[in-house]
Structure formats: C-alpha cells, structure tokens
Amino acid sequence: MAMSAAEIEALIRAALPDAKVTIEDLRGDGDHYAATVVSAAFKGKTRVQQHQMVYAALQGRMGGALHALALQTSPPQD
C-alpha cells in the first residue's frame, strides 16, 4: 500500500517538529517521492546523518509502503 505525501510529511514533522518539509510525488503513483527537509536538528551533522534522521522518522516504511524517496536535507541558512 502506497503512502500519501501528507503521511510522509506528518512522520517527518513528528520527529523533526521545526522542519520545513516539501514533498513532491515524482510519478503520481504514490510510490516515488522527492522530499526537501530543512531543520535546525541537522546543524553539525553530515549529509548521511541527516538522511538517517529522516529515514528513522519514517519508522521502517522505506522499501515497504514507501518505495523510493529522493532526499535533499540541510540546516536552515543563517
């Protein structure tokens, strides 16, 4: 069962409450999304650590309910 963009955004916001999240359904199939996540929690973290934080927020749904997610992450620009 595919996930909606709203579900993905809600999971990310639950784990990273300050995050600015933009979700785009790349194919219109509910399986392939792109997400841009900006959060102060990413400060001082490597890109890999930032992505791991987002994947953790998705609570194991990657590869199951969520087939593909292209991620762009960053801390806020000062």
N, C-alpha and C. Protein backbone atom coordinates (compact mmCIF):
# COMPACT_ATOMS: atom_id res chain seq x y z
N MET A 1 0.84 -1.19 0.00
CA MET A 1 0.00 0.00 0.00
C MET A 1 0.89 1.25 0.00
N ALA A 2 0.64 2.13 -0.94
CA ALA A 2 1.43 3.35 -1.08
C ALA A 2 1.11 4.34 0.04
N MET A 3 2.04 5.26 0.24
CA MET A 3 1.87 6.33 1.24
C MET A 3 1.53 7.63 0.53
N SER A 4 0.78 8.47 1.20
CA SER A 4 0.50 9.79 0.65
C SER A 4 1.59 10.77 1.08
N ALA A 5 1.70 11.86 0.34
CA ALA A 5 2.67 12.91 0.68
C ALA A 5 2.38 13.45 2.07
N ALA A 6 1.10 13.58 2.43
CA ALA A 6 0.73 14.09 3.75
C ALA A 6 1.20 13.16 4.86
N GLU A 7 1.13 11.85 4.64
CA GLU A 7 1.61 10.89 5.65
C GLU A 7 3.11 11.02 5.84
N ILE A 8 3.84 11.14 4.74
CA ILE A 8 5.30 11.28 4.82
C ILE A 8 5.65 12.55 5.58
N GLU A 9 5.00 13.64 5.22
CA GLU A 9 5.27 14.91 5.88
C GLU A 9 4.95 14.84 7.37
N ALA A 10 3.85 14.21 7.73
CA ALA A 10 3.46 14.11 9.14
C ALA A 10 4.49 13.31 9.94
N LEU A 11 5.00 12.23 9.38
CA LEU A 11 6.01 11.43 10.08
C LEU A 11 7.29 12.22 10.29
N ILE A 12 7.71 12.94 9.26
CA ILE A 12 8.94 13.74 9.37
C ILE A 12 8.75 14.86 10.39
N ARG A 13 7.60 15.54 10.35
CA ARG A 13 7.34 16.63 11.30
C ARG A 13 7.22 16.12 12.74
N ALA A 14 6.73 14.91 12.92
CA ALA A 14 6.63 14.35 14.27
C ALA A 14 8.02 14.16 14.87
N ALA A 15 8.99 13.77 14.05
CA ALA A 15 10.35 13.53 14.53
C ALA A 15 11.18 14.80 14.55
N LEU A 16 10.89 15.71 13.62
CA LEU A 16 11.64 16.96 13.50
C LEU A 16 10.64 18.11 13.46
N PRO A 17 10.10 18.50 14.63
CA PRO A 17 9.00 19.47 14.69
C PRO A 17 9.27 20.82 14.04
N ASP A 18 10.54 21.23 14.01
CA ASP A 18 10.86 22.54 13.42
C ASP A 18 11.06 22.48 11.91
N ALA A 19 11.00 21.30 11.34
CA ALA A 19 11.36 21.10 9.93
C ALA A 19 10.41 21.80 8.97
N LYS A 20 11.03 22.34 7.93
CA LYS A 20 10.27 22.81 6.77
C LYS A 20 10.36 21.65 5.78
N VAL A 21 9.22 21.10 5.42
CA VAL A 21 9.17 19.89 4.60
C VAL A 21 8.40 20.16 3.32
N THR A 22 9.00 19.80 2.20
CA THR A 22 8.33 19.87 0.91
C THR A 22 8.38 18.47 0.30
N ILE A 23 7.22 17.95 -0.09
CA ILE A 23 7.14 16.61 -0.67
C ILE A 23 6.56 16.73 -2.07
N GLU A 24 7.18 16.03 -3.02
CA GLU A 24 6.69 16.01 -4.40
C GLU A 24 6.54 14.56 -4.84
N ASP A 25 5.38 14.21 -5.36
CA ASP A 25 5.14 12.88 -5.92
C ASP A 25 5.69 12.89 -7.34
N LEU A 26 6.80 12.21 -7.56
CA LEU A 26 7.53 12.32 -8.82
C LEU A 26 6.81 11.69 -10.01
N ARG A 27 6.04 10.62 -9.76
CA ARG A 27 5.40 9.92 -10.87
C ARG A 27 3.88 9.91 -10.77
N GLY A 28 3.36 10.45 -9.68
CA GLY A 28 1.91 10.43 -9.50
C GLY A 28 1.38 9.07 -9.09
N ASP A 29 2.28 8.19 -8.66
CA ASP A 29 1.87 6.83 -8.31
C ASP A 29 1.87 6.55 -6.81
N GLY A 30 2.25 7.54 -5.99
CA GLY A 30 2.28 7.34 -4.55
C GLY A 30 3.42 6.45 -4.09
N ASP A 31 4.35 6.14 -4.97
CA ASP A 31 5.48 5.28 -4.63
C ASP A 31 6.84 5.97 -4.78
N HIS A 32 6.91 7.02 -5.56
CA HIS A 32 8.18 7.68 -5.85
C HIS A 32 8.06 9.16 -5.49
N TYR A 33 8.75 9.54 -4.43
CA TYR A 33 8.67 10.90 -3.92
C TYR A 33 10.04 11.55 -3.87
N ALA A 34 10.02 12.88 -3.87
CA ALA A 34 11.20 13.68 -3.56
C ALA A 34 10.83 14.53 -2.35
N ALA A 35 11.74 14.64 -1.41
CA ALA A 35 11.49 15.43 -0.21
C ALA A 35 12.66 16.38 0.03
N THR A 36 12.32 17.60 0.38
CA THR A 36 13.30 18.57 0.83
C THR A 36 12.96 18.85 2.29
N VAL A 37 13.96 18.66 3.15
CA VAL A 37 13.75 18.83 4.59
C VAL A 37 14.82 19.77 5.13
N VAL A 38 14.38 20.86 5.73
CA VAL A 38 15.29 21.83 6.35
C VAL A 38 14.98 21.86 7.83
N SER A 39 15.99 21.57 8.67
CA SER A 39 15.78 21.52 10.11
C SER A 39 17.04 21.93 10.86
N ALA A 40 16.86 22.67 11.94
CA ALA A 40 18.00 23.04 12.79
C ALA A 40 18.64 21.81 13.40
N ALA A 41 17.91 20.72 13.51
CA ALA A 41 18.46 19.48 14.07
C ALA A 41 19.59 18.93 13.20
N PHE A 42 19.69 19.39 11.96
CA PHE A 42 20.73 18.92 11.04
C PHE A 42 22.06 19.65 11.22
N LYS A 43 22.07 20.74 12.00
CA LYS A 43 23.31 21.50 12.19
C LYS A 43 24.41 20.61 12.75
N GLY A 44 25.57 20.66 12.12
CA GLY A 44 26.72 19.90 12.58
C GLY A 44 26.69 18.43 12.17
N LYS A 45 25.67 18.02 11.45
CA LYS A 45 25.54 16.62 11.01
C LYS A 45 26.00 16.50 9.57
N THR A 46 26.55 15.34 9.23
CA THR A 46 26.90 15.07 7.84
C THR A 46 25.61 14.82 7.05
N ARG A 47 25.71 14.88 5.74
CA ARG A 47 24.55 14.61 4.89
C ARG A 47 23.99 13.21 5.17
N VAL A 48 24.89 12.24 5.35
CA VAL A 48 24.45 10.88 5.65
C VAL A 48 23.68 10.84 6.97
N GLN A 49 24.17 11.51 7.99
CA GLN A 49 23.48 11.56 9.27
C GLN A 49 22.12 12.23 9.14
N GLN A 50 22.05 13.30 8.35
CA GLN A 50 20.78 13.98 8.13
C GLN A 50 19.78 13.03 7.48
N HIS A 51 20.21 12.31 6.46
CA HIS A 51 19.33 11.36 5.78
C HIS A 51 18.90 10.24 6.72
N GLN A 52 19.82 9.77 7.54
CA GLN A 52 19.47 8.73 8.51
C GLN A 52 18.39 9.22 9.47
N MET A 53 18.45 10.48 9.85
CA MET A 53 17.43 11.04 10.75
C MET A 53 16.05 11.03 10.07
N VAL A 54 16.03 11.37 8.78
CA VAL A 54 14.75 11.36 8.06
C VAL A 54 14.25 9.93 7.90
N TYR A 55 15.14 9.00 7.54
CA TYR A 55 14.72 7.60 7.40
C TYR A 55 14.20 7.05 8.72
N ALA A 56 14.83 7.43 9.83
CA ALA A 56 14.35 6.99 11.15
C ALA A 56 12.95 7.53 11.41
N ALA A 57 12.69 8.77 10.97
CA ALA A 57 11.38 9.37 11.16
C ALA A 57 10.29 8.60 10.41
N LEU A 58 10.68 7.94 9.33
CA LEU A 58 9.72 7.19 8.52
C LEU A 58 9.39 5.82 9.12
N GLN A 59 10.01 5.49 10.24
CA GLN A 59 9.66 4.32 11.05
C GLN A 59 9.60 3.02 10.26
N GLY A 60 10.63 2.77 9.46
CA GLY A 60 10.74 1.49 8.76
C GLY A 60 9.87 1.34 7.52
N ARG A 61 9.26 2.42 7.08
CA ARG A 61 8.38 2.32 5.90
C ARG A 61 9.13 2.35 4.57
N MET A 62 10.40 2.77 4.59
CA MET A 62 11.19 2.76 3.35
C MET A 62 11.34 1.33 2.86
N GLY A 63 11.12 1.15 1.56
CA GLY A 63 11.24 -0.18 0.98
C GLY A 63 9.98 -1.01 1.11
N GLY A 64 9.02 -0.51 1.87
CA GLY A 64 7.74 -1.19 2.03
C GLY A 64 6.64 -0.31 1.48
N ALA A 65 5.97 0.39 2.39
CA ALA A 65 4.89 1.30 1.99
C ALA A 65 5.42 2.45 1.14
N LEU A 66 6.68 2.79 1.34
CA LEU A 66 7.32 3.87 0.59
C LEU A 66 8.45 3.27 -0.23
N HIS A 67 8.26 3.22 -1.54
CA HIS A 67 9.23 2.55 -2.41
C HIS A 67 10.50 3.37 -2.64
N ALA A 68 10.35 4.66 -2.96
CA ALA A 68 11.52 5.47 -3.29
C ALA A 68 11.34 6.90 -2.78
N LEU A 69 12.41 7.42 -2.18
CA LEU A 69 12.39 8.78 -1.68
C LEU A 69 13.74 9.44 -1.98
N ALA A 70 13.71 10.43 -2.86
CA ALA A 70 14.90 11.23 -3.15
C ALA A 70 14.95 12.35 -2.12
N LEU A 71 16.03 12.42 -1.36
CA LEU A 71 16.11 13.36 -0.24
C LEU A 71 17.10 14.49 -0.51
N GLN A 72 16.70 15.69 -0.13
CA GLN A 72 17.60 16.82 -0.02
C GLN A 72 17.39 17.35 1.39
N THR A 73 18.47 17.41 2.17
CA THR A 73 18.39 17.87 3.55
C THR A 73 19.42 18.96 3.79
N SER A 74 19.11 19.85 4.74
CA SER A 74 20.06 20.89 5.13
C SER A 74 19.57 21.57 6.39
N PRO A 75 20.51 22.17 7.13
CA PRO A 75 20.11 23.04 8.23
C PRO A 75 19.65 24.37 7.62
N PRO A 76 18.92 25.18 8.39
CA PRO A 76 18.50 26.49 7.85
C PRO A 76 19.71 27.36 7.53
N GLN A 77 19.58 28.17 6.49
CA GLN A 77 20.64 29.11 6.14
C GLN A 77 20.52 30.34 7.03
N ASP A 78 21.61 30.74 7.63
CA ASP A 78 21.59 31.90 8.53
C ASP A 78 21.57 33.19 7.78
